[in-house]
């Protein structure tokens, strides 16, 4: 069994480059750190191309396994992750057509729309909340971050792999939602907005959230978009986007659970 020992090995240099967003976009590949995330990627059907490991590991026969030294593993690992697994995977294809196929069997879809999110960790945390609350899909609008950034994958606990998603412009996302007859609720920090508990979430619904710094764009000020707000009772004027997302997702789930009982 050969072991990669050098940082200058072409495969190691290529893996390190995949920490850069521009290289991920150009190559159509990304890195997965850790056993839990790798296992969830495989279960979700993500195509894993290569695996770097410091210990015996068996994956699908089409995955090339490279054994490396601990120092090389430290070089290619993200942050303080030291589980001994780093995989190279293929970015899955995304389109509205694929998204429709994945959510098509849902009788009353609940979707999350994330506009202009600036931090990959926040995006990953929203995916995690969406998965926990039973959201059916996530649309990423005018994104500044990559859902397959290492921070996003880690904060999502690997749920970014199984959650149906589309990454498009805000205009395209808004147009698609209207064409599909979704009720659209946008989270605004405004006294004129409806309380989030007063909205009826029991029809096909899209919940729109923006960045903490910029909020939502004027794309969501259309008359068909319902502004909703979460009360702020202290001195802070906003919540972390993943916290706000969790509140809204679980209110939708609560209402839908009550309806399903009757």
Protein backbone atom coordinates (compact mmCIF):
# COMPACT_ATOMS: atom_id res chain seq x y z
CA UNK A 1 0.00 0.00 0.00
CA UNK A 2 1.48 3.35 -1.09
CA UNK A 3 1.17 6.36 1.20
CA UNK A 4 1.25 10.01 0.10
CA UNK A 5 3.82 11.79 2.25
CA UNK A 6 4.50 15.03 0.38
CA UNK A 7 2.56 18.30 0.40
CA UNK A 8 3.73 18.86 -3.19
CA UNK A 9 1.97 15.75 -4.47
CA UNK A 10 -0.35 16.92 -7.33
CA UNK A 11 -3.42 15.33 -5.73
CA UNK A 12 -2.76 17.07 -2.42
CA UNK A 13 -2.18 20.42 -4.10
CA UNK A 14 -5.43 20.02 -6.04
CA UNK A 15 -7.34 19.12 -2.85
CA UNK A 16 -6.00 22.21 -1.05
CA UNK A 17 -7.17 24.41 -3.94
CA UNK A 18 -10.72 23.15 -3.44
CA UNK A 19 -10.88 25.20 -0.23
CA UNK A 20 -11.13 28.23 -2.58
CA UNK A 21 -14.55 29.10 -3.91
CA UNK A 22 -13.32 30.03 -7.38
CA UNK A 23 -11.60 26.66 -7.78
CA UNK A 24 -14.72 24.79 -6.61
CA UNK A 25 -16.79 26.66 -9.19
CA UNK A 26 -14.26 26.09 -11.95
CA UNK A 27 -13.74 22.38 -11.24
CA UNK A 28 -17.26 21.44 -10.16
CA UNK A 29 -15.82 19.66 -7.13
CA UNK A 30 -15.75 20.25 -3.37
CA UNK A 31 -14.33 18.69 -0.20
CA UNK A 32 -16.12 16.74 2.51
CA UNK A 33 -14.51 16.51 5.96
CA UNK A 34 -15.38 13.90 8.54
CA UNK A 35 -17.12 10.54 8.70
CA UNK A 36 -20.63 11.83 9.52
CA UNK A 37 -20.68 14.26 6.60
CA UNK A 38 -19.16 11.69 4.23
CA UNK A 39 -21.72 9.08 5.25
CA UNK A 40 -24.61 11.51 4.74
CA UNK A 41 -23.24 12.55 1.36
CA UNK A 42 -23.07 8.93 0.22
CA UNK A 43 -26.59 8.24 1.52
CA UNK A 44 -27.86 11.27 -0.41
CA UNK A 45 -26.33 10.03 -3.65
CA UNK A 46 -23.53 12.61 -3.86
CA UNK A 47 -20.87 11.31 -6.25
CA UNK A 48 -17.66 10.89 -4.25
CA UNK A 49 -14.61 10.76 -6.51
CA UNK A 50 -11.65 10.37 -4.18
CA UNK A 51 -10.98 9.75 -0.51
CA UNK A 52 -7.88 10.73 1.47
CA UNK A 53 -7.52 8.78 4.69
CA UNK A 54 -5.02 7.84 7.40
CA UNK A 55 -6.88 4.66 8.31
CA UNK A 56 -8.52 1.71 6.54
CA UNK A 57 -11.81 2.72 4.99
CA UNK A 58 -14.07 1.00 2.48
CA UNK A 59 -16.36 2.95 0.17
CA UNK A 60 -17.91 2.33 -3.24
CA UNK A 61 -15.59 0.56 -5.65
CA UNK A 62 -15.56 3.58 -8.00
CA UNK A 63 -14.01 5.81 -5.31
CA UNK A 64 -10.24 6.12 -5.47
CA UNK A 65 -8.75 5.80 -1.97
CA UNK A 66 -5.45 7.52 -1.17
CA UNK A 67 -3.66 6.79 2.08
CA UNK A 68 -1.77 9.77 3.48
CA UNK A 69 0.38 10.60 6.47
CA UNK A 70 -1.04 12.50 9.45
CA UNK A 71 0.85 15.65 8.47
CA UNK A 72 -0.59 15.55 4.95
CA UNK A 73 -4.08 14.95 6.38
CA UNK A 74 -3.63 18.00 8.62
CA UNK A 75 -2.70 20.02 5.53
CA UNK A 76 -5.88 19.18 3.64
CA UNK A 77 -8.32 19.04 6.59
CA UNK A 78 -10.65 21.90 7.47
CA UNK A 79 -10.10 23.77 10.72
CA UNK A 80 -9.69 21.47 13.69
CA UNK A 81 -11.33 18.45 12.06
CA UNK A 82 -8.94 15.55 12.61
CA UNK A 83 -11.11 12.51 11.90
CA UNK A 84 -8.79 11.20 9.23
CA UNK A 85 -11.19 11.46 6.27
CA UNK A 86 -11.30 14.06 3.51
CA UNK A 87 -13.23 13.27 0.34
CA UNK A 88 -13.41 14.96 -3.04
CA UNK A 89 -16.96 15.01 -4.39
CA UNK A 90 -18.76 16.27 -7.47
CA UNK A 91 -21.09 19.25 -7.09
CA UNK A 92 -24.56 17.87 -7.87
CA UNK A 93 -26.53 19.28 -10.78
CA UNK A 94 -29.09 21.93 -9.86
CA UNK A 95 -32.03 23.35 -11.79
CA UNK A 96 -35.63 24.27 -11.18
CA UNK A 97 -36.64 21.17 -13.17
CA UNK A 98 -34.63 18.88 -10.87
CA UNK A 99 -35.96 20.75 -7.83
CA UNK A 100 -39.56 20.31 -9.01
CA UNK A 101 -38.98 16.58 -9.46
CA UNK A 102 -37.65 16.24 -5.91
CA UNK A 103 -40.49 18.14 -4.22
CA UNK A 104 -43.20 17.11 -6.66
CA UNK A 105 -44.64 14.36 -4.47
CA UNK A 106 -45.21 16.75 -1.57
CA UNK A 107 -48.93 17.66 -1.28
CA UNK A 108 -48.28 21.03 0.39
CA UNK A 109 -44.59 21.98 0.07
CA UNK A 110 -42.88 24.18 2.62
CA UNK A 111 -39.83 25.94 1.19
CA UNK A 112 -37.13 28.24 2.55
CA UNK A 113 -35.62 31.01 0.45
CA UNK A 114 -32.30 32.48 1.58
CA UNK A 115 -31.40 35.76 -0.12
CA UNK A 116 -27.96 37.36 -0.04
CA UNK A 117 -26.66 35.34 2.90
CA UNK A 118 -23.08 36.44 3.52
CA UNK A 119 -21.70 33.76 5.85
CA UNK A 120 -21.49 30.10 4.82
CA UNK A 121 -21.87 29.04 8.45
CA UNK A 122 -25.23 30.81 8.64
CA UNK A 123 -26.36 29.17 5.42
CA UNK A 124 -25.40 25.76 6.77
CA UNK A 125 -27.22 26.42 10.04
CA UNK A 126 -30.41 27.28 8.11
CA UNK A 127 -30.14 24.00 6.21
CA UNK A 128 -29.87 22.21 9.54
CA UNK A 129 -32.96 23.98 10.91
CA UNK A 130 -34.84 23.33 7.67
CA UNK A 131 -34.04 19.64 7.85
CA UNK A 132 -35.07 19.44 11.51
CA UNK A 133 -38.40 21.19 10.91
CA UNK A 134 -39.31 19.14 7.87
CA UNK A 135 -38.86 21.87 5.25
CA UNK A 136 -39.07 20.34 1.78
CA UNK A 137 -36.47 22.41 -0.06
CA UNK A 138 -34.19 25.46 0.03
CA UNK A 139 -33.83 28.08 -2.69
CA UNK A 140 -30.68 30.20 -2.49
CA UNK A 141 -31.19 33.62 -4.08
CA UNK A 142 -28.45 36.06 -5.13
CA UNK A 143 -26.03 34.10 -3.00
CA UNK A 144 -22.72 35.46 -1.79
CA UNK A 145 -21.73 32.06 -0.40
CA UNK A 146 -21.35 28.49 -1.60
CA UNK A 147 -23.57 25.83 0.00
CA UNK A 148 -20.65 23.41 -0.41
CA UNK A 149 -18.19 25.63 1.47
CA UNK A 150 -16.64 23.70 4.36
CA UNK A 151 -18.30 25.98 6.95
CA UNK A 152 -21.70 25.44 5.34
CA UNK A 153 -21.29 21.66 5.23
CA UNK A 154 -20.13 21.51 8.85
CA UNK A 155 -22.85 23.79 10.24
CA UNK A 156 -25.50 21.90 8.30
CA UNK A 157 -24.28 18.61 9.84
CA UNK A 158 -24.36 17.18 6.32
CA UNK A 159 -28.04 18.03 5.71
CA UNK A 160 -26.96 20.23 2.79
CA UNK A 161 -26.51 16.99 0.84
CA UNK A 162 -30.03 15.62 1.30
CA UNK A 163 -32.06 18.85 1.15
CA UNK A 164 -33.32 19.69 -2.38
CA UNK A 165 -31.90 23.06 -3.43
CA UNK A 166 -31.63 25.57 -6.25
CA UNK A 167 -29.14 28.42 -6.48
CA UNK A 168 -30.42 31.24 -8.72
CA UNK A 169 -31.09 34.97 -8.93
CA UNK A 170 -33.72 36.54 -6.70
CA UNK A 171 -35.73 37.47 -9.79
CA UNK A 172 -35.71 33.88 -11.05
CA UNK A 173 -36.66 32.47 -7.64
CA UNK A 174 -39.49 34.98 -7.18
CA UNK A 175 -40.81 34.32 -10.68
CA UNK A 176 -40.75 30.54 -10.16
CA UNK A 177 -42.58 30.78 -6.82
CA UNK A 178 -45.34 32.86 -8.40
CA UNK A 179 -45.64 30.49 -11.36
CA UNK A 180 -46.01 27.59 -8.92
CA UNK A 181 -48.67 29.48 -6.91
CA UNK A 182 -46.76 29.50 -3.63
CA UNK A 183 -47.87 31.79 -0.83
CA UNK A 184 -44.80 33.94 -0.15
CA UNK A 185 -43.98 35.26 3.32
CA UNK A 186 -40.96 37.51 3.75
CA UNK A 187 -39.34 38.22 7.11
CA UNK A 188 -39.05 41.98 7.59
CA UNK A 189 -37.98 44.04 10.60
CA UNK A 190 -40.97 46.35 10.35
CA UNK A 191 -43.74 47.44 12.70
CA UNK A 192 -46.20 47.23 9.82
CA UNK A 193 -45.43 43.56 9.16
CA UNK A 194 -47.78 40.83 10.37
CA UNK A 195 -46.78 38.83 13.45
CA UNK A 196 -45.33 35.52 12.34
CA UNK A 197 -47.91 33.63 14.43
CA UNK A 198 -50.85 35.30 12.65
CA UNK A 199 -50.02 33.90 9.21
CA UNK A 200 -51.67 30.74 7.89
CA UNK A 201 -48.85 28.41 6.81
CA UNK A 202 -51.13 25.53 5.78
CA UNK A 203 -50.89 25.92 2.01
CA UNK A 204 -47.88 25.69 -0.33
CA UNK A 205 -45.58 28.19 1.36
CA UNK A 206 -42.21 29.85 0.80
CA UNK A 207 -40.53 31.63 3.72
CA UNK A 208 -38.04 34.30 2.62
CA UNK A 209 -35.14 35.41 4.81
CA UNK A 210 -32.30 37.80 4.06
CA UNK A 211 -28.92 38.69 5.45
CA UNK A 212 -28.61 40.29 8.87
CA UNK A 213 -26.67 43.23 7.43
CA UNK A 214 -28.78 44.05 4.37
CA UNK A 215 -32.15 42.41 4.97
CA UNK A 216 -34.26 41.59 1.92
CA UNK A 217 -34.10 43.28 -1.47
CA UNK A 218 -36.97 45.18 -3.06
CA UNK A 219 -37.69 42.02 -5.05
CA UNK A 220 -39.81 40.91 -2.09
CA UNK A 221 -41.81 44.12 -1.65
CA UNK A 222 -44.32 42.97 -4.26
CA UNK A 223 -47.97 43.18 -3.23
CA UNK A 224 -48.35 39.38 -3.31
CA UNK A 225 -45.56 38.95 -0.74
CA UNK A 226 -46.78 38.91 2.87
CA UNK A 227 -44.40 40.70 5.30
CA UNK A 228 -44.04 38.93 8.63
CA UNK A 229 -42.00 39.76 11.69
CA UNK A 230 -40.74 38.14 14.88
CA UNK A 231 -41.19 40.40 17.95
CA UNK A 232 -37.97 41.92 19.32
CA UNK A 233 -38.57 42.60 23.02
CA UNK A 234 -35.05 43.64 24.07
CA UNK A 235 -32.54 46.16 22.78
CA UNK A 236 -31.35 44.04 19.82
CA UNK A 237 -33.02 44.94 16.54
CA UNK A 238 -32.61 41.60 14.75
CA UNK A 239 -32.01 37.89 15.21
CA UNK A 240 -29.34 35.72 13.68
CA UNK A 241 -30.83 34.51 10.39
CA UNK A 242 -30.65 30.84 11.39
CA UNK A 243 -32.51 31.57 14.64
CA UNK A 244 -35.23 33.53 12.82
CA UNK A 245 -35.46 30.73 10.26
CA UNK A 246 -35.94 28.12 12.98
CA UNK A 247 -38.73 30.11 14.63
CA UNK A 248 -40.63 30.51 11.36
CA UNK A 249 -40.08 26.92 10.21
CA UNK A 250 -41.35 25.48 13.48
CA UNK A 251 -44.38 27.77 13.54
CA UNK A 252 -45.26 26.44 10.09
CA UNK A 253 -44.73 22.89 11.31
CA UNK A 254 -46.84 23.53 14.43
CA UNK A 255 -49.78 24.83 12.41
CA UNK A 256 -49.55 22.01 9.89
CA UNK A 257 -49.44 19.41 12.66
CA UNK A 258 -52.63 20.83 14.20
CA UNK A 259 -54.43 20.71 10.86
CA UNK A 260 -53.33 17.12 10.18
CA UNK A 261 -55.05 15.97 13.40
CA UNK A 262 -58.51 16.79 12.11
